[in-house]
Amino acid sequence: MTYSADFRQKVLAIKEQEGLTQAEAAERFGVGVASITRWNKCLESKSMRTKPATKLDMKALEEDVKMYPDGYQYERAARLGVCQRAIGYALKRLGVSYKKKHCRIRKRTKTHDSSFRKK
C-alpha cells in the first residue's frame, strides 16, 4: 500500500518531536517498521518501472496478433524467437487477452430425451 507524502512527513515529524523509536512509531500509526526505515532514507514514493521490451519487437508482436488472432503463446514465441513467458508479459503490456471457452454444456432437446427413454 502506498502512503501519501504528507502522511509520511507527519509520521517522521511526530517521531522526531516525541523521540519515538521506529518500532514505537510503527505501532502508533499502524505501519510497518520497514516502511518507516525506508521513509528515513527516501521520502518520495517509488514509481512503477516503465522499461521497454529488450528482447522482443513490440511492432512485430502486434503484427503477429493481427495475422494470427487465435495463436497460442508458444506458437508466437517460436515465430518471434523468444520464450513463451516473454510473449505473455508483452501481451499484457499491449493489453491483449484471450478468454476461450473450452467447455460447453449442451442443452437438452426432445431428440435427446426420446433417445434416453427408448434405452
PDB file of N, CA and C in Angstrom:
ATOM      1  N   MET A   1       0.848  -1.175   0.000  1.00  0.00           N
ATOM      2  CA  MET A   1       0.000   0.000   0.000  1.00  0.00           C
ATOM      3  C   MET A   1       0.888   1.231   0.000  1.00  0.00           C
ATOM      4  N   THR A   2       0.583   2.195  -0.826  1.00  0.00           N
ATOM      5  CA  THR A   2       1.343   3.430  -0.895  1.00  0.00           C
ATOM      6  C   THR A   2       0.698   4.477  -0.009  1.00  0.00           C
ATOM      7  N   TYR A   3       1.512   5.052   0.854  1.00  0.00           N
ATOM      8  CA  TYR A   3       1.036   6.122   1.729  1.00  0.00           C
ATOM      9  C   TYR A   3       1.362   7.463   1.096  1.00  0.00           C
ATOM     10  N   SER A   4       0.519   8.459   1.355  1.00  0.00           N
ATOM     11  CA  SER A   4       0.733   9.781   0.771  1.00  0.00           C
ATOM     12  C   SER A   4       1.980  10.426   1.378  1.00  0.00           C
ATOM     13  N   ALA A   5       2.538  11.389   0.645  1.00  0.00           N
ATOM     14  CA  ALA A   5       3.757  12.057   1.080  1.00  0.00           C
ATOM     15  C   ALA A   5       3.529  12.858   2.359  1.00  0.00           C
ATOM     16  N   ASP A   6       2.356  13.493   2.495  1.00  0.00           N
ATOM     17  CA  ASP A   6       2.103  14.279   3.705  1.00  0.00           C
ATOM     18  C   ASP A   6       1.960  13.375   4.939  1.00  0.00           C
ATOM     19  N   PHE A   7       1.390  12.174   4.762  1.00  0.00           N
ATOM     20  CA  PHE A   7       1.308  11.229   5.875  1.00  0.00           C
ATOM     21  C   PHE A   7       2.705  10.786   6.303  1.00  0.00           C
ATOM     22  N   ARG A   8       3.565  10.510   5.330  1.00  0.00           N
ATOM     23  CA  ARG A   8       4.939  10.109   5.631  1.00  0.00           C
ATOM     24  C   ARG A   8       5.670  11.200   6.415  1.00  0.00           C
ATOM     25  N   GLN A   9       5.508  12.446   5.938  1.00  0.00           N
ATOM     26  CA  GLN A   9       6.156  13.569   6.630  1.00  0.00           C
ATOM     27  C   GLN A   9       5.623  13.711   8.055  1.00  0.00           C
ATOM     28  N   LYS A  10       4.325  13.553   8.215  1.00  0.00           N
ATOM     29  CA  LYS A  10       3.695  13.670   9.535  1.00  0.00           C
ATOM     30  C   LYS A  10       4.238  12.608  10.488  1.00  0.00           C
ATOM     31  N   VAL A  11       4.347  11.360  10.012  1.00  0.00           N
ATOM     32  CA  VAL A  11       4.857  10.271  10.846  1.00  0.00           C
ATOM     33  C   VAL A  11       6.284  10.559  11.274  1.00  0.00           C
ATOM     34  N   LEU A  12       7.130  10.973  10.336  1.00  0.00           N
ATOM     35  CA  LEU A  12       8.534  11.249  10.670  1.00  0.00           C
ATOM     36  C   LEU A  12       8.669  12.459  11.590  1.00  0.00           C
ATOM     37  N   ALA A  13       7.824  13.465  11.389  1.00  0.00           N
ATOM     38  CA  ALA A  13       7.883  14.660  12.243  1.00  0.00           C
ATOM     39  C   ALA A  13       7.488  14.315  13.679  1.00  0.00           C
ATOM     40  N   ILE A  14       6.424  13.568  13.864  1.00  0.00           N
ATOM     41  CA  ILE A  14       5.985  13.187  15.208  1.00  0.00           C
ATOM     42  C   ILE A  14       7.008  12.257  15.856  1.00  0.00           C
ATOM     43  N   LYS A  15       7.610  11.394  15.069  1.00  0.00           N
ATOM     44  CA  LYS A  15       8.653  10.503  15.583  1.00  0.00           C
ATOM     45  C   LYS A  15       9.812  11.316  16.146  1.00  0.00           C
ATOM     46  N   GLU A  16      10.213  12.370  15.429  1.00  0.00           N
ATOM     47  CA  GLU A  16      11.307  13.221  15.886  1.00  0.00           C
ATOM     48  C   GLU A  16      10.901  14.068  17.095  1.00  0.00           C
ATOM     49  N   GLN A  17       9.711  14.647  17.058  1.00  0.00           N
ATOM     50  CA  GLN A  17       9.249  15.523  18.141  1.00  0.00           C
ATOM     51  C   GLN A  17       9.130  14.790  19.468  1.00  0.00           C
ATOM     52  N   GLU A  18       8.561  13.603  19.417  1.00  0.00           N
ATOM     53  CA  GLU A  18       8.304  12.863  20.652  1.00  0.00           C
ATOM     54  C   GLU A  18       9.428  11.902  21.002  1.00  0.00           C
ATOM     55  N   GLY A  19      10.440  11.818  20.158  1.00  0.00           N
ATOM     56  CA  GLY A  19      11.577  10.942  20.434  1.00  0.00           C
ATOM     57  C   GLY A  19      11.222   9.464  20.418  1.00  0.00           C
ATOM     58  N   LEU A  20      10.329   9.079  19.517  1.00  0.00           N
ATOM     59  CA  LEU A  20       9.903   7.686  19.423  1.00  0.00           C
ATOM     60  C   LEU A  20      10.923   6.862  18.651  1.00  0.00           C
ATOM     61  N   THR A  21      10.986   5.592  18.971  1.00  0.00           N
ATOM     62  CA  THR A  21      11.784   4.689  18.150  1.00  0.00           C
ATOM     63  C   THR A  21      10.967   4.340  16.910  1.00  0.00           C
ATOM     64  N   GLN A  22      11.621   3.688  15.971  1.00  0.00           N
ATOM     65  CA  GLN A  22      10.900   3.311  14.756  1.00  0.00           C
ATOM     66  C   GLN A  22       9.794   2.301  15.063  1.00  0.00           C
ATOM     67  N   ALA A  23      10.057   1.394  15.957  1.00  0.00           N
ATOM     68  CA  ALA A  23       9.051   0.387  16.320  1.00  0.00           C
ATOM     69  C   ALA A  23       7.849   1.031  17.003  1.00  0.00           C
ATOM     70  N   GLU A  24       8.104   2.002  17.882  1.00  0.00           N
ATOM     71  CA  GLU A  24       7.007   2.683  18.572  1.00  0.00           C
ATOM     72  C   GLU A  24       6.166   3.502  17.598  1.00  0.00           C
ATOM     73  N   ALA A  25       6.842   4.192  16.675  1.00  0.00           N
ATOM     74  CA  ALA A  25       6.114   4.976  15.676  1.00  0.00           C
ATOM     75  C   ALA A  25       5.307   4.068  14.751  1.00  0.00           C
ATOM     76  N   ALA A  26       5.882   2.939  14.400  1.00  0.00           N
ATOM     77  CA  ALA A  26       5.171   1.990  13.536  1.00  0.00           C
ATOM     78  C   ALA A  26       3.918   1.468  14.215  1.00  0.00           C
ATOM     79  N   GLU A  27       4.025   1.160  15.490  1.00  0.00           N
ATOM     80  CA  GLU A  27       2.868   0.656  16.222  1.00  0.00           C
ATOM     81  C   GLU A  27       1.810   1.738  16.389  1.00  0.00           C
ATOM     82  N   ARG A  28       2.237   2.953  16.652  1.00  0.00           N
ATOM     83  CA  ARG A  28       1.303   4.061  16.865  1.00  0.00           C
ATOM     84  C   ARG A  28       0.498   4.380  15.612  1.00  0.00           C
ATOM     85  N   PHE A  29       1.154   4.376  14.434  1.00  0.00           N
ATOM     86  CA  PHE A  29       0.481   4.757  13.191  1.00  0.00           C
ATOM     87  C   PHE A  29      -0.016   3.560  12.381  1.00  0.00           C
ATOM     88  N   GLY A  30       0.273   2.361  12.835  1.00  0.00           N
ATOM     89  CA  GLY A  30      -0.228   1.173  12.151  1.00  0.00           C
ATOM     90  C   GLY A  30       0.462   0.900  10.824  1.00  0.00           C
ATOM     91  N   VAL A  31       1.748   1.188  10.761  1.00  0.00           N
ATOM     92  CA  VAL A  31       2.529   0.893   9.556  1.00  0.00           C
ATOM     93  C   VAL A  31       3.672  -0.035   9.949  1.00  0.00           C
ATOM     94  N   GLY A  32       4.375  -0.548   8.967  1.00  0.00           N
ATOM     95  CA  GLY A  32       5.489  -1.439   9.237  1.00  0.00           C
ATOM     96  C   GLY A  32       6.754  -0.689   9.610  1.00  0.00           C
ATOM     97  N   VAL A  33       7.598  -1.352  10.382  1.00  0.00           N
ATOM     98  CA  VAL A  33       8.877  -0.761  10.774  1.00  0.00           C
ATOM     99  C   VAL A  33       9.745  -0.546   9.533  1.00  0.00           C
ATOM    100  N   ALA A  34       9.691  -1.474   8.608  1.00  0.00           N
ATOM    101  CA  ALA A  34      10.473  -1.355   7.376  1.00  0.00           C
ATOM    102  C   ALA A  34      10.041  -0.128   6.573  1.00  0.00           C
ATOM    103  N   SER A  35       8.766   0.202   6.619  1.00  0.00           N
ATOM    104  CA  SER A  35       8.274   1.385   5.900  1.00  0.00           C
ATOM    105  C   SER A  35       8.891   2.645   6.468  1.00  0.00           C
ATOM    106  N   ILE A  36       8.922   2.760   7.782  1.00  0.00           N
ATOM    107  CA  ILE A  36       9.497   3.953   8.403  1.00  0.00           C
ATOM    108  C   ILE A  36      10.992   4.023   8.127  1.00  0.00           C
ATOM    109  N   THR A  37      11.671   2.894   8.139  1.00  0.00           N
ATOM    110  CA  THR A  37      13.091   2.858   7.801  1.00  0.00           C
ATOM    111  C   THR A  37      13.317   3.362   6.379  1.00  0.00           C
ATOM    112  N   ARG A  38      12.486   2.902   5.445  1.00  0.00           N
ATOM    113  CA  ARG A  38      12.584   3.344   4.053  1.00  0.00           C
ATOM    114  C   ARG A  38      12.302   4.835   3.926  1.00  0.00           C
ATOM    115  N   TRP A  39      11.320   5.339   4.665  1.00  0.00           N
ATOM    116  CA  TRP A  39      10.967   6.758   4.593  1.00  0.00           C
ATOM    117  C   TRP A  39      12.097   7.625   5.121  1.00  0.00           C
ATOM    118  N   ASN A  40      12.867   7.124   6.101  1.00  0.00           N
ATOM    119  CA  ASN A  40      14.010   7.882   6.598  1.00  0.00           C
ATOM    120  C   ASN A  40      15.064   8.051   5.513  1.00  0.00           C
ATOM    121  N   LYS A  41      15.223   7.036   4.668  1.00  0.00           N
ATOM    122  CA  LYS A  41      16.215   7.097   3.592  1.00  0.00           C
ATOM    123  C   LYS A  41      15.729   7.970   2.441  1.00  0.00           C
ATOM    124  N   CYS A  42      14.507   7.742   2.027  1.00  0.00           N
ATOM    125  CA  CYS A  42      13.957   8.478   0.879  1.00  0.00           C
ATOM    126  C   CYS A  42      12.456   8.659   1.101  1.00  0.00           C
ATOM    127  N   LEU A  43      12.022   9.898   1.200  1.00  0.00           N
ATOM    128  CA  LEU A  43      10.624  10.193   1.499  1.00  0.00           C
ATOM    129  C   LEU A  43       9.720  10.032   0.274  1.00  0.00           C
ATOM    130  N   GLU A  44      10.272  10.146  -0.915  1.00  0.00           N
ATOM    131  CA  GLU A  44       9.500  10.032  -2.152  1.00  0.00           C
ATOM    132  C   GLU A  44       9.089   8.592  -2.394  1.00  0.00           C
ATOM    133  N   SER A  45       7.896   8.398  -2.936  1.00  0.00           N
ATOM    134  CA  SER A  45       7.451   7.049  -3.264  1.00  0.00           C
ATOM    135  C   SER A  45       8.069   6.625  -4.589  1.00  0.00           C
ATOM    136  N   LYS A  46       8.314   5.351  -4.700  1.00  0.00           N
ATOM    137  CA  LYS A  46       8.893   4.805  -5.928  1.00  0.00           C
ATOM    138  C   LYS A  46       7.801   4.692  -6.986  1.00  0.00           C
ATOM    139  N   SER A  47       8.118   5.071  -8.194  1.00  0.00           N
ATOM    140  CA  SER A  47       7.152   4.945  -9.278  1.00  0.00           C
ATOM    141  C   SER A  47       7.304   3.575  -9.925  1.00  0.00           C
ATOM    142  N   MET A  48       6.361   3.230 -10.745  1.00  0.00           N
ATOM    143  CA  MET A  48       6.413   1.941 -11.417  1.00  0.00           C
ATOM    144  C   MET A  48       7.517   1.939 -12.459  1.00  0.00           C
ATOM    145  N   ARG A  49       8.071   0.792 -12.692  1.00  0.00           N
ATOM    146  CA  ARG A  49       9.130   0.638 -13.676  1.00  0.00           C
ATOM    147  C   ARG A  49       8.505   0.643 -15.067  1.00  0.00           C
ATOM    148  N   THR A  50       9.010   1.474 -15.927  1.00  0.00           N
ATOM    149  CA  THR A  50       8.484   1.555 -17.297  1.00  0.00           C
ATOM    150  C   THR A  50       9.611   1.260 -18.272  1.00  0.00           C
ATOM    151  N   LYS A  51      10.153   0.079 -18.174  1.00  0.00           N
ATOM    152  CA  LYS A  51      11.246  -0.325 -19.040  1.00  0.00           C
ATOM    153  C   LYS A  51      10.666  -0.951 -20.309  1.00  0.00           C
ATOM    154  N   PRO A  52      11.131  -0.541 -21.476  1.00  0.00           N
ATOM    155  CA  PRO A  52      10.610  -1.141 -22.707  1.00  0.00           C
ATOM    156  C   PRO A  52      11.140  -2.563 -22.895  1.00  0.00           C
ATOM    157  N   ALA A  53      10.480  -3.303 -23.747  1.00  0.00           N
ATOM    158  CA  ALA A  53      10.898  -4.667 -24.044  1.00  0.00           C
ATOM    159  C   ALA A  53      12.255  -4.642 -24.727  1.00  0.00           C
ATOM    160  N   THR A  54      13.163  -5.528 -24.311  1.00  0.00           N
ATOM    161  CA  THR A  54      14.501  -5.541 -24.892  1.00  0.00           C
ATOM    162  C   THR A  54      14.715  -6.701 -25.851  1.00  0.00           C
ATOM    163  N   LYS A  55      14.058  -7.831 -25.613  1.00  0.00           N
ATOM    164  CA  LYS A  55      14.275  -8.997 -26.453  1.00  0.00           C
ATOM    165  C   LYS A  55      13.217  -9.164 -27.538  1.00  0.00           C
ATOM    166  N   LEU A  56      12.194  -8.374 -27.480  1.00  0.00           N
ATOM    167  CA  LEU A  56      11.052  -8.585 -28.357  1.00  0.00           C
ATOM    168  C   LEU A  56      10.656  -7.285 -29.023  1.00  0.00           C
ATOM    169  N   ASP A  57      10.452  -7.329 -30.320  1.00  0.00           N
ATOM    170  CA  ASP A  57       9.984  -6.161 -31.056  1.00  0.00           C
ATOM    171  C   ASP A  57       8.467  -6.093 -30.917  1.00  0.00           C
ATOM    172  N   MET A  58       7.985  -5.052 -30.245  1.00  0.00           N
ATOM    173  CA  MET A  58       6.553  -4.944 -29.971  1.00  0.00           C
ATOM    174  C   MET A  58       5.738  -4.760 -31.247  1.00  0.00           C
ATOM    175  N   LYS A  59       6.300  -4.075 -32.233  1.00  0.00           N
ATOM    176  CA  LYS A  59       5.592  -3.905 -33.517  1.00  0.00           C
ATOM    177  C   LYS A  59       5.385  -5.262 -34.187  1.00  0.00           C
ATOM    178  N   ALA A  60       6.427  -6.099 -34.141  1.00  0.00           N
ATOM    179  CA  ALA A  60       6.318  -7.433 -34.744  1.00  0.00           C
ATOM    180  C   ALA A  60       5.263  -8.263 -34.007  1.00  0.00           C
ATOM    181  N   LEU A  61       5.192  -8.101 -32.698  1.00  0.00           N
ATOM    182  CA  LEU A  61       4.177  -8.829 -31.934  1.00  0.00           C
ATOM    183  C   LEU A  61       2.774  -8.353 -32.293  1.00  0.00           C
ATOM    184  N   GLU A  62       2.594  -7.046 -32.459  1.00  0.00           N
ATOM    185  CA  GLU A  62       1.285  -6.526 -32.867  1.00  0.00           C
ATOM    186  C   GLU A  62       0.871  -7.096 -34.216  1.00  0.00           C
ATOM    187  N   GLU A  63       1.802  -7.142 -35.147  1.00  0.00           N
ATOM    188  CA  GLU A  63       1.509  -7.704 -36.468  1.00  0.00           C
ATOM    189  C   GLU A  63       1.159  -9.192 -36.356  1.00  0.00           C
ATOM    190  N   ASP A  64       1.888  -9.905 -35.492  1.00  0.00           N
ATOM    191  CA  ASP A  64       1.621 -11.324 -35.307  1.00  0.00           C
ATOM    192  C   ASP A  64       0.227 -11.541 -34.729  1.00  0.00           C
ATOM    193  N   VAL A  65      -0.175 -10.685 -33.802  1.00  0.00           N
ATOM    194  CA  VAL A  65      -1.514 -10.799 -33.211  1.00  0.00           C
ATOM    195  C   VAL A  65      -2.575 -10.537 -34.266  1.00  0.00           C
ATOM    196  N   LYS A  66      -2.322  -9.578 -35.171  1.00  0.00           N
ATOM    197  CA  LYS A  66      -3.296  -9.287 -36.238  1.00  0.00           C
ATOM    198  C   LYS A  66      -3.378 -10.435 -37.241  1.00  0.00           C
ATOM    199  N   MET A  67      -2.214 -11.026 -37.576  1.00  0.00           N
ATOM    200  CA  MET A  67      -2.193 -12.101 -38.571  1.00  0.00           C
ATOM    201  C   MET A  67      -2.734 -13.413 -38.002  1.00  0.00           C
ATOM    202  N   TYR A  68      -2.400 -13.712 -36.763  1.00  0.00           N
ATOM    203  CA  TYR A  68      -2.815 -14.960 -36.127  1.00  0.00           C
ATOM    204  C   TYR A  68      -3.552 -14.641 -34.829  1.00  0.00           C
ATOM    205  N   PRO A  69      -4.805 -14.213 -34.902  1.00  0.00           N
ATOM    206  CA  PRO A  69      -5.512 -13.794 -33.684  1.00  0.00           C
ATOM    207  C   PRO A  69      -5.767 -14.928 -32.691  1.00  0.00           C
ATOM    208  N   ASP A  70      -5.839 -16.176 -33.163  1.00  0.00           N
ATOM    209  CA  ASP A  70      -6.103 -17.299 -32.264  1.00  0.00           C
ATOM    210  C   ASP A  70      -4.847 -18.096 -31.937  1.00  0.00           C
ATOM    211  N   GLY A  71      -3.684 -17.529 -32.226  1.00  0.00           N
ATOM    212  CA  GLY A  71      -2.432 -18.246 -31.982  1.00  0.00           C
ATOM    213  C   GLY A  71      -2.129 -18.390 -30.507  1.00  0.00           C
ATOM    214  N   TYR A  72      -1.493 -19.500 -30.174  1.00  0.00           N
ATOM    215  CA  TYR A  72      -1.077 -19.725 -28.801  1.00  0.00           C
ATOM    216  C   TYR A  72       0.231 -18.989 -28.527  1.00  0.00           C
ATOM    217  N   GLN A  73       0.519 -18.779 -27.250  1.00  0.00           N
ATOM    218  CA  GLN A  73       1.728 -18.048 -26.889  1.00  0.00           C
ATOM    219  C   GLN A  73       2.980 -18.801 -27.308  1.00  0.00           C
ATOM    220  N   TYR A  74       2.989 -20.116 -27.181  1.00  0.00           N
ATOM    221  CA  TYR A  74       4.183 -20.869 -27.557  1.00  0.00           C
ATOM    222  C   TYR A  74       4.421 -20.807 -29.070  1.00  0.00           C
ATOM    223  N   GLU A  75       3.335 -20.686 -29.845  1.00  0.00           N
ATOM    224  CA  GLU A  75       3.485 -20.541 -31.293  1.00  0.00           C
ATOM    225  C   GLU A  75       4.072 -19.174 -31.635  1.00  0.00           C
ATOM    226  N   ARG A  76       3.578 -18.129 -30.974  1.00  0.00           N
ATOM    227  CA  ARG A  76       4.131 -16.785 -31.182  1.00  0.00           C
ATOM    228  C   ARG A  76       5.602 -16.747 -30.779  1.00  0.00           C
ATOM    229  N   ALA A  77       5.940 -17.404 -29.687  1.00  0.00           N
ATOM    230  CA  ALA A  77       7.322 -17.430 -29.208  1.00  0.00           C
ATOM    231  C   ALA A  77       8.239 -18.074 -30.243  1.00  0.00           C
ATOM    232  N   ALA A  78       7.776 -19.154 -30.865  1.00  0.00           N
ATOM    233  CA  ALA A  78       8.584 -19.828 -31.886  1.00  0.00           C
ATOM    234  C   ALA A  78       8.759 -18.927 -33.104  1.00  0.00           C
ATOM    235  N   ARG A  79       7.695 -18.223 -33.501  1.00  0.00           N
ATOM    236  CA  ARG A  79       7.791 -17.337 -34.671  1.00  0.00           C
ATOM    237  C   ARG A  79       8.704 -16.143 -34.414  1.00  0.00           C
ATOM    238  N   LEU A  80       8.678 -15.608 -33.193  1.00  0.00           N
ATOM    239  CA  LEU A  80       9.437 -14.399 -32.887  1.00  0.00           C
ATOM    240  C   LEU A  80      10.788 -14.681 -32.236  1.00  0.00           C
ATOM    241  N   GLY A  81      11.079 -15.928 -31.920  1.00  0.00           N
ATOM    242  CA  GLY A  81      12.388 -16.299 -31.401  1.00  0.00           C
ATOM    243  C   GLY A  81      12.638 -15.923 -29.947  1.00  0.00           C
ATOM    244  N   VAL A  82      11.598 -15.973 -29.129  1.00  0.00           N
ATOM    245  CA  VAL A  82      11.738 -15.698 -27.694  1.00  0.00           C
ATOM    246  C   VAL A  82      11.026 -16.804 -26.928  1.00  0.00           C
ATOM    247  N   CYS A  83      11.080 -16.751 -25.600  1.00  0.00           N
ATOM    248  CA  CYS A  83      10.396 -17.763 -24.800  1.00  0.00           C
ATOM    249  C   CYS A  83       8.913 -17.399 -24.646  1.00  0.00           C
ATOM    250  N   GLN A  84       8.136 -18.376 -24.234  1.00  0.00           N
ATOM    251  CA  GLN A  84       6.697 -18.194 -24.106  1.00  0.00           C
ATOM    252  C   GLN A  84       6.361 -17.156 -23.048  1.00  0.00           C
ATOM    253  N   ARG A  85       7.117 -17.107 -21.966  1.00  0.00           N
ATOM    254  CA  ARG A  85       6.824 -16.170 -20.880  1.00  0.00           C
ATOM    255  C   ARG A  85       7.034 -14.732 -21.331  1.00  0.00           C
ATOM    256  N   ALA A  86       8.019 -14.500 -22.208  1.00  0.00           N
ATOM    257  CA  ALA A  86       8.244 -13.149 -22.743  1.00  0.00           C
ATOM    258  C   ALA A  86       7.036 -12.696 -23.552  1.00  0.00           C
ATOM    259  N   ILE A  87       6.436 -13.620 -24.280  1.00  0.00           N
ATOM    260  CA  ILE A  87       5.227 -13.309 -25.045  1.00  0.00           C
ATOM    261  C   ILE A  87       4.089 -12.958 -24.086  1.00  0.00           C
ATOM    262  N   GLY A  88       3.963 -13.706 -23.000  1.00  0.00           N
ATOM    263  CA  GLY A  88       2.917 -13.433 -22.021  1.00  0.00           C
ATOM    264  C   GLY A  88       3.032 -12.043 -21.425  1.00  0.00           C
ATOM    265  N   TYR A  89       4.253 -11.660 -21.032  1.00  0.00           N
ATOM    266  CA  TYR A  89       4.467 -10.323 -20.471  1.00  0.00           C
ATOM    267  C   TYR A  89       4.182  -9.235 -21.508  1.00  0.00           C
ATOM    268  N   ALA A  90       4.624  -9.470 -22.742  1.00  0.00           N
ATOM    269  CA  ALA A  90       4.438  -8.466 -23.797  1.00  0.00           C
ATOM    270  C   ALA A  90       2.957  -8.302 -24.148  1.00  0.00           C
ATOM    271  N   LEU A  91       2.222  -9.400 -24.190  1.00  0.00           N
ATOM    272  CA  LEU A  91       0.781  -9.305 -24.468  1.00  0.00           C
ATOM    273  C   LEU A  91       0.072  -8.546 -23.356  1.00  0.00           C
ATOM    274  N   LYS A  92       0.535  -8.733 -22.133  1.00  0.00           N
ATOM    275  CA  LYS A  92      -0.045  -7.997 -21.020  1.00  0.00           C
ATOM    276  C   LYS A  92       0.229  -6.506 -21.177  1.00  0.00           C
ATOM    277  N   ARG A  93       1.455  -6.146 -21.628  1.00  0.00           N
ATOM    278  CA  ARG A  93       1.783  -4.745 -21.867  1.00  0.00           C
ATOM    279  C   ARG A  93       0.916  -4.140 -22.965  1.00  0.00           C
ATOM    280  N   LEU A  94       0.613  -4.953 -23.970  1.00  0.00           N
ATOM    281  CA  LEU A  94      -0.225  -4.481 -25.072  1.00  0.00           C
ATOM    282  C   LEU A  94      -1.705  -4.436 -24.696  1.00  0.00           C
ATOM    283  N   GLY A  95      -2.075  -5.127 -23.627  1.00  0.00           N
ATOM    284  CA  GLY A  95      -3.471  -5.169 -23.220  1.00  0.00           C
ATOM    285  C   GLY A  95      -4.277  -6.195 -23.985  1.00  0.00           C
ATOM    286  N   VAL A  96      -3.606  -7.216 -24.498  1.00  0.00           N
ATOM    287  CA  VAL A  96      -4.273  -8.266 -25.263  1.00  0.00           C
ATOM    288  C   VAL A  96      -4.510  -9.451 -24.345  1.00  0.00           C
ATOM    289  N   SER A  97      -5.752  -9.919 -24.289  1.00  0.00           N
ATOM    290  CA  SER A  97      -6.059 -11.117 -23.517  1.00  0.00           C
ATOM    291  C   SER A  97      -7.077 -11.931 -24.280  1.00  0.00           C
ATOM    292  N   TYR A  98      -7.002 -13.229 -24.089  1.00  0.00           N
ATOM    293  CA  TYR A  98      -7.940 -14.125 -24.752  1.00  0.00           C
ATOM    294  C   TYR A  98      -8.646 -14.943 -23.693  1.00  0.00           C
ATOM    295  N   LYS A  99      -9.950 -14.957 -23.771  1.00  0.00           N
ATOM    296  CA  LYS A  99     -10.726 -15.810 -22.893  1.00  0.00           C
ATOM    297  C   LYS A  99     -11.443 -16.801 -23.792  1.00  0.00           C
ATOM    298  N   LYS A 100     -10.999 -18.026 -23.753  1.00  0.00           N
ATOM    299  CA  LYS A 100     -11.561 -19.034 -24.629  1.00  0.00           C
ATOM    300  C   LYS A 100     -12.457 -19.965 -23.832  1.00  0.00           C
ATOM    301  N   LYS A 101     -13.537 -20.371 -24.455  1.00  0.00           N
ATOM    302  CA  LYS A 101     -14.451 -21.320 -23.829  1.00  0.00           C
ATOM    303  C   LYS A 101     -14.055 -22.714 -24.287  1.00  0.00           C
ATOM    304  N   HIS A 102     -13.635 -23.542 -23.365  1.00  0.00           N
ATOM    305  CA  HIS A 102     -13.244 -24.897 -23.708  1.00  0.00           C
ATOM    306  C   HIS A 102     -14.370 -25.887 -23.454  1.00  0.00           C
ATOM    307  N   CYS A 103     -15.246 -25.541 -22.563  1.00  0.00           N
ATOM    308  CA  CYS A 103     -16.297 -26.476 -22.171  1.00  0.00           C
ATOM    309  C   CYS A 103     -17.657 -25.841 -22.435  1.00  0.00           C
ATOM    310  N   ARG A 104     -18.485 -26.549 -23.133  1.00  0.00           N
ATOM    311  CA  ARG A 104     -19.842 -26.086 -23.382  1.00  0.00           C
ATOM    312  C   ARG A 104     -20.820 -27.109 -22.848  1.00  0.00           C
ATOM    313  N   ILE A 105     -21.879 -26.646 -22.281  1.00  0.00           N
ATOM    314  CA  ILE A 105     -22.928 -27.539 -21.812  1.00  0.00           C
ATOM    315  C   ILE A 105     -24.038 -27.523 -22.862  1.00  0.00           C
ATOM    316  N   ARG A 106     -24.319 -28.688 -23.391  1.00  0.00           N
ATOM    317  CA  ARG A 106     -25.343 -28.769 -24.422  1.00  0.00           C
ATOM    318  C   ARG A 106     -26.719 -28.751 -23.788  1.00  0.00           C
ATOM    319  N   LYS A 107     -27.606 -28.047 -24.447  1.00  0.00           N
ATOM    320  CA  LYS A 107     -28.982 -28.005 -23.971  1.00  0.00           C
ATOM    321  C   LYS A 107     -29.688 -29.290 -24.379  1.00  0.00           C
ATOM    322  N   ARG A 108     -30.541 -29.735 -23.517  1.00  0.00           N
ATOM    323  CA  ARG A 108     -31.299 -30.943 -23.818  1.00  0.00           C
ATOM    324  C   ARG A 108     -32.388 -30.615 -24.826  1.00  0.00           C
ATOM    325  N   THR A 109     -32.521 -31.448 -25.781  1.00  0.00           N
ATOM    326  CA  THR A 109     -33.572 -31.289 -26.774  1.00  0.00           C
ATOM    327  C   THR A 109     -34.518 -32.483 -26.692  1.00  0.00           C
ATOM    328  N   LYS A 110     -35.588 -32.417 -27.455  1.00  0.00           N
ATOM    329  CA  LYS A 110     -36.554 -33.510 -27.441  1.00  0.00           C
ATOM    330  C   LYS A 110     -35.954 -34.790 -28.007  1.00  0.00           C
ATOM    331  N   THR A 111     -35.057 -34.665 -28.977  1.00  0.00           N
ATOM    332  CA  THR A 111     -34.452 -35.866 -29.555  1.00  0.00           C
ATOM    333  C   THR A 111     -33.572 -36.565 -28.530  1.00  0.00           C
ATOM    334  N   HIS A 112     -32.861 -35.799 -27.710  1.00  0.00           N
ATOM    335  CA  HIS A 112     -32.043 -36.419 -26.669  1.00  0.00           C
ATOM    336  C   HIS A 112     -32.917 -37.086 -25.616  1.00  0.00           C
ATOM    337  N   ASP A 113     -34.018 -36.432 -25.255  1.00  0.00           N
ATOM    338  CA  ASP A 113     -34.914 -37.016 -24.256  1.00  0.00           C
ATOM    339  C   ASP A 113     -35.534 -38.318 -24.747  1.00  0.00           C
ATOM    340  N   SER A 114     -35.946 -38.345 -26.001  1.00  0.00           N
ATOM    341  CA  SER A 114     -36.596 -39.532 -26.528  1.00  0.00           C
ATOM    342  C   SER A 114     -35.604 -40.695 -26.692  1.00  0.00           C
ATOM    343  N   SER A 115     -34.354 -40.369 -27.025  1.00  0.00           N
ATOM    344  CA  SER A 115     -33.368 -41.441 -27.161  1.00  0.00           C
ATOM    345  C   SER A 115     -33.024 -42.037 -25.800  1.00  0.00           C
ATOM    346  N   PHE A 116     -33.053 -41.268 -24.742  1.00  0.00           N
ATOM    347  CA  PHE A 116     -32.795 -41.797 -23.411  1.00  0.00           C
ATOM    348  C   PHE A 116     -33.951 -42.687 -22.960  1.00  0.00           C
ATOM    349  N   ARG A 117     -35.148 -42.312 -23.311  1.00  0.00           N
ATOM    350  CA  ARG A 117     -36.306 -43.085 -22.868  1.00  0.00           C
ATOM    351  C   ARG A 117     -36.383 -44.450 -23.553  1.00  0.00           C
ATOM    352  N   LYS A 118     -35.966 -44.507 -24.811  1.00  0.00           N
ATOM    353  CA  LYS A 118     -36.025 -45.755 -25.537  1.00  0.00           C
ATOM    354  C   LYS A 118     -35.061 -46.788 -24.980  1.00  0.00           C
ATOM    355  N   LYS A 119     -33.940 -46.330 -24.500  1.00  0.00           N
ATOM    356  CA  LYS A 119     -32.934 -47.270 -23.995  1.00  0.00           C
ATOM    357  C   LYS A 119     -33.358 -47.728 -22.634  1.00  0.00           C
TER     358      LYS A 119
END
